Amino acid sequence: MLAQRDGIIAAMGERGWRVVDVDESPAEWWADEFLEFASDWSPAGARVVLTFLVDPQHGGLRRKGDAVWDVVAAAERPEAPTTEGPCLSLGRGWQDRVASFVAELEQFRTAERR
C-alpha cells in the first residue's frame, strides 16, 4: 500500500494538492489511513480527504497497510465506510488509473467556487 500511497501523493502534488493532515492510525476499523489535502492552485485552500479503505471481507488481525483495497475521496472525513465519490482501486493496474482519479478531484476545487 505504501507504493500506491506515495504514487497518489506525487500525482496530486503535480496537480497542485499538498498534504496538510495525516491520520495514520484511525480508530475506525474500515479505514487504514486518512489523508487531507489542500489546494495550492486556485481556489487556494480547497480541501479533499482521501480514505484508504480496508477490505470489508478481511478477517483476523491486520497490520498497517494490509488489506487496503480502495481509496475514496470526499470533501470531509467520512463517518462511515463509503465508496460514494471518486474512487481508485488499488489492485493491479492502479498506476494506469491514478491520473484520471486525480483529475476527478477537480470537482472539490470547483465546489469551493459555488
C-alpha atoms as a PDB file:
ATOM      1  CA  MET A   1       0.000   0.000   0.000  1.00  0.00           C
ATOM      2  CA  LEU A   2       2.901   2.385   0.576  1.00  0.00           C
ATOM      3  CA  ALA A   3       3.825   2.451  -3.116  1.00  0.00           C
ATOM      4  CA  GLN A   4       0.239   3.321  -4.022  1.00  0.00           C
ATOM      5  CA  ARG A   5       0.032   5.954  -1.274  1.00  0.00           C
ATOM      6  CA  ASP A   6       3.272   7.591  -2.393  1.00  0.00           C
ATOM      7  CA  GLY A   7       2.183   7.454  -6.044  1.00  0.00           C
ATOM      8  CA  ILE A   8      -1.121   9.150  -5.238  1.00  0.00           C
ATOM      9  CA  ILE A   9       0.584  11.865  -3.183  1.00  0.00           C
ATOM     10  CA  ALA A  10       3.048  12.525  -6.026  1.00  0.00           C
ATOM     11  CA  ALA A  11       0.277  12.655  -8.654  1.00  0.00           C
ATOM     12  CA  MET A  12      -1.734  15.024  -6.501  1.00  0.00           C
ATOM     13  CA  GLY A  13       1.311  17.226  -5.969  1.00  0.00           C
ATOM     14  CA  GLU A  14       1.637  17.567  -9.737  1.00  0.00           C
ATOM     15  CA  ARG A  15      -1.969  18.853  -9.800  1.00  0.00           C
ATOM     16  CA  GLY A  16      -1.486  21.451  -7.060  1.00  0.00           C
ATOM     17  CA  TRP A  17      -2.574  19.493  -3.980  1.00  0.00           C
ATOM     18  CA  ARG A  18      -0.461  19.178  -0.825  1.00  0.00           C
ATOM     19  CA  VAL A  19      -0.904  17.023   2.272  1.00  0.00           C
ATOM     20  CA  VAL A  20      -1.997  19.080   5.280  1.00  0.00           C
ATOM     21  CA  ASP A  21      -3.090  16.359   7.708  1.00  0.00           C
ATOM     22  CA  VAL A  22      -2.474  12.639   8.129  1.00  0.00           C
ATOM     23  CA  ASP A  23      -4.235  10.205  10.445  1.00  0.00           C
ATOM     24  CA  GLU A  24      -2.163   7.030  10.155  1.00  0.00           C
ATOM     25  CA  SER A  25      -3.925   5.192  12.973  1.00  0.00           C
ATOM     26  CA  PRO A  26      -7.636   5.976  12.855  1.00  0.00           C
ATOM     27  CA  ALA A  27      -9.989   4.340  15.347  1.00  0.00           C
ATOM     28  CA  GLU A  28     -12.322   3.254  12.547  1.00  0.00           C
ATOM     29  CA  TRP A  29     -11.766  -0.416  11.638  1.00  0.00           C
ATOM     30  CA  TRP A  30     -12.646   0.251   7.997  1.00  0.00           C
ATOM     31  CA  ALA A  31     -10.006   2.943   7.433  1.00  0.00           C
ATOM     32  CA  ASP A  32      -6.283   2.292   7.252  1.00  0.00           C
ATOM     33  CA  GLU A  33      -5.478   5.971   6.892  1.00  0.00           C
ATOM     34  CA  PHE A  34      -6.959   9.395   6.202  1.00  0.00           C
ATOM     35  CA  LEU A  35      -5.031  11.988   4.199  1.00  0.00           C
ATOM     36  CA  GLU A  36      -6.298  15.555   3.949  1.00  0.00           C
ATOM     37  CA  PHE A  37      -5.098  17.726   1.080  1.00  0.00           C
ATOM     38  CA  ALA A  38      -5.358  21.454   0.430  1.00  0.00           C
ATOM     39  CA  SER A  39      -5.195  23.080  -2.967  1.00  0.00           C
ATOM     40  CA  ASP A  40      -2.324  25.415  -3.756  1.00  0.00           C
ATOM     41  CA  TRP A  41      -3.971  26.187  -7.077  1.00  0.00           C
ATOM     42  CA  SER A  42      -6.987  28.434  -7.468  1.00  0.00           C
ATOM     43  CA  PRO A  43      -9.013  28.439  -5.377  1.00  0.00           C
ATOM     44  CA  ALA A  44      -6.233  28.018  -2.876  1.00  0.00           C
ATOM     45  CA  GLY A  45      -7.314  26.246   0.268  1.00  0.00           C
ATOM     46  CA  ALA A  46      -9.944  23.952  -1.264  1.00  0.00           C
ATOM     47  CA  ARG A  47      -9.871  20.653   0.637  1.00  0.00           C
ATOM     48  CA  VAL A  48     -10.251  16.952  -0.128  1.00  0.00           C
ATOM     49  CA  VAL A  49      -9.914  13.948   2.190  1.00  0.00           C
ATOM     50  CA  LEU A  50      -8.716  10.581   0.922  1.00  0.00           C
ATOM     51  CA  THR A  51      -9.703   7.480   2.860  1.00  0.00           C
ATOM     52  CA  PHE A  52      -7.700   4.298   2.364  1.00  0.00           C
ATOM     53  CA  LEU A  53     -10.380   1.640   2.863  1.00  0.00           C
ATOM     54  CA  VAL A  54      -9.792  -1.754   4.445  1.00  0.00           C
ATOM     55  CA  ASP A  55     -11.335  -4.699   2.600  1.00  0.00           C
ATOM     56  CA  PRO A  56     -14.569  -5.454   4.495  1.00  0.00           C
ATOM     57  CA  GLN A  57     -14.102  -9.178   3.796  1.00  0.00           C
ATOM     58  CA  HIS A  58     -10.715  -9.276   5.515  1.00  0.00           C
ATOM     59  CA  GLY A  59     -10.847 -11.307   8.700  1.00  0.00           C
ATOM     60  CA  GLY A  60      -8.466 -11.617  11.589  1.00  0.00           C
ATOM     61  CA  LEU A  61      -5.594  -9.421  12.614  1.00  0.00           C
ATOM     62  CA  ARG A  62      -4.369  -6.785  10.204  1.00  0.00           C
ATOM     63  CA  ARG A  63      -1.114  -4.846  10.137  1.00  0.00           C
ATOM     64  CA  LYS A  64      -0.951  -1.259   8.927  1.00  0.00           C
ATOM     65  CA  GLY A  65      -1.237  -1.236   5.135  1.00  0.00           C
ATOM     66  CA  ASP A  66      -2.620  -4.778   4.841  1.00  0.00           C
ATOM     67  CA  ALA A  67      -5.915  -5.479   3.042  1.00  0.00           C
ATOM     68  CA  VAL A  68      -6.277  -1.922   1.737  1.00  0.00           C
ATOM     69  CA  TRP A  69      -8.281  -2.206  -1.452  1.00  0.00           C
ATOM     70  CA  ASP A  70      -9.656   1.208  -2.401  1.00  0.00           C
ATOM     71  CA  VAL A  71      -9.168   4.924  -1.950  1.00  0.00           C
ATOM     72  CA  VAL A  72     -12.205   7.190  -1.871  1.00  0.00           C
ATOM     73  CA  ALA A  73     -12.258  10.996  -1.959  1.00  0.00           C
ATOM     74  CA  ALA A  74     -14.679  13.273  -0.102  1.00  0.00           C
ATOM     75  CA  ALA A  75     -14.988  16.902   0.905  1.00  0.00           C
ATOM     76  CA  GLU A  76     -14.880  15.877   4.576  1.00  0.00           C
ATOM     77  CA  ARG A  77     -13.691  12.936   6.617  1.00  0.00           C
ATOM     78  CA  PRO A  78     -16.412  10.279   6.386  1.00  0.00           C
ATOM     79  CA  GLU A  79     -18.099   8.916   9.496  1.00  0.00           C
ATOM     80  CA  ALA A  80     -18.843   5.548   7.899  1.00  0.00           C
ATOM     81  CA  PRO A  81     -17.309   3.469   5.120  1.00  0.00           C
ATOM     82  CA  THR A  82     -18.442   4.599   1.697  1.00  0.00           C
ATOM     83  CA  THR A  83     -17.450   4.325  -1.931  1.00  0.00           C
ATOM     84  CA  GLU A  84     -19.527   7.339  -2.954  1.00  0.00           C
ATOM     85  CA  GLY A  85     -17.322   9.884  -4.651  1.00  0.00           C
ATOM     86  CA  PRO A  86     -14.217   9.452  -6.768  1.00  0.00           C
ATOM     87  CA  CYS A  87     -12.621   6.054  -6.095  1.00  0.00           C
ATOM     88  CA  LEU A  88      -9.357   4.418  -7.046  1.00  0.00           C
ATOM     89  CA  SER A  89      -8.984   0.661  -6.793  1.00  0.00           C
ATOM     90  CA  LEU A  90      -5.521  -0.233  -5.519  1.00  0.00           C
ATOM     91  CA  GLY A  91      -5.446  -3.564  -7.289  1.00  0.00           C
ATOM     92  CA  ARG A  92      -3.484  -4.481 -10.384  1.00  0.00           C
ATOM     93  CA  GLY A  93      -3.131  -1.587 -12.846  1.00  0.00           C
ATOM     94  CA  TRP A  94      -3.757   1.187 -10.322  1.00  0.00           C
ATOM     95  CA  GLN A  95      -0.922   3.223 -11.901  1.00  0.00           C
ATOM     96  CA  ASP A  96      -2.903   3.384 -15.149  1.00  0.00           C
ATOM     97  CA  ARG A  97      -5.907   4.850 -13.305  1.00  0.00           C
ATOM     98  CA  VAL A  98      -4.293   7.284 -10.873  1.00  0.00           C
ATOM     99  CA  ALA A  99      -4.163  10.230 -13.316  1.00  0.00           C
ATOM    100  CA  SER A 100      -7.887  10.048 -14.063  1.00  0.00           C
ATOM    101  CA  PHE A 101      -8.643   9.674 -10.343  1.00  0.00           C
ATOM    102  CA  VAL A 102      -6.661  12.823  -9.527  1.00  0.00           C
ATOM    103  CA  ALA A 103      -8.348  14.665 -12.414  1.00  0.00           C
ATOM    104  CA  GLU A 104     -11.735  13.801 -10.864  1.00  0.00           C
ATOM    105  CA  LEU A 105     -10.675  15.634  -7.726  1.00  0.00           C
ATOM    106  CA  GLU A 106     -11.021  18.957  -9.571  1.00  0.00           C
ATOM    107  CA  GLN A 107     -14.677  18.860  -8.511  1.00  0.00           C
ATOM    108  CA  PHE A 108     -13.539  19.678  -4.974  1.00  0.00           C
ATOM    109  CA  ARG A 109     -11.903  22.867  -6.245  1.00  0.00           C
ATOM    110  CA  THR A 110     -14.927  23.923  -8.271  1.00  0.00           C
ATOM    111  CA  ALA A 111     -17.227  23.207  -5.304  1.00  0.00           C
ATOM    112  CA  GLU A 112     -15.366  25.956  -3.426  1.00  0.00           C
ATOM    113  CA  ARG A 113     -16.400  28.478  -6.110  1.00  0.00           C
ATOM    114  CA  ARG A 114     -20.152  27.847  -5.776  1.00  0.00           C
END
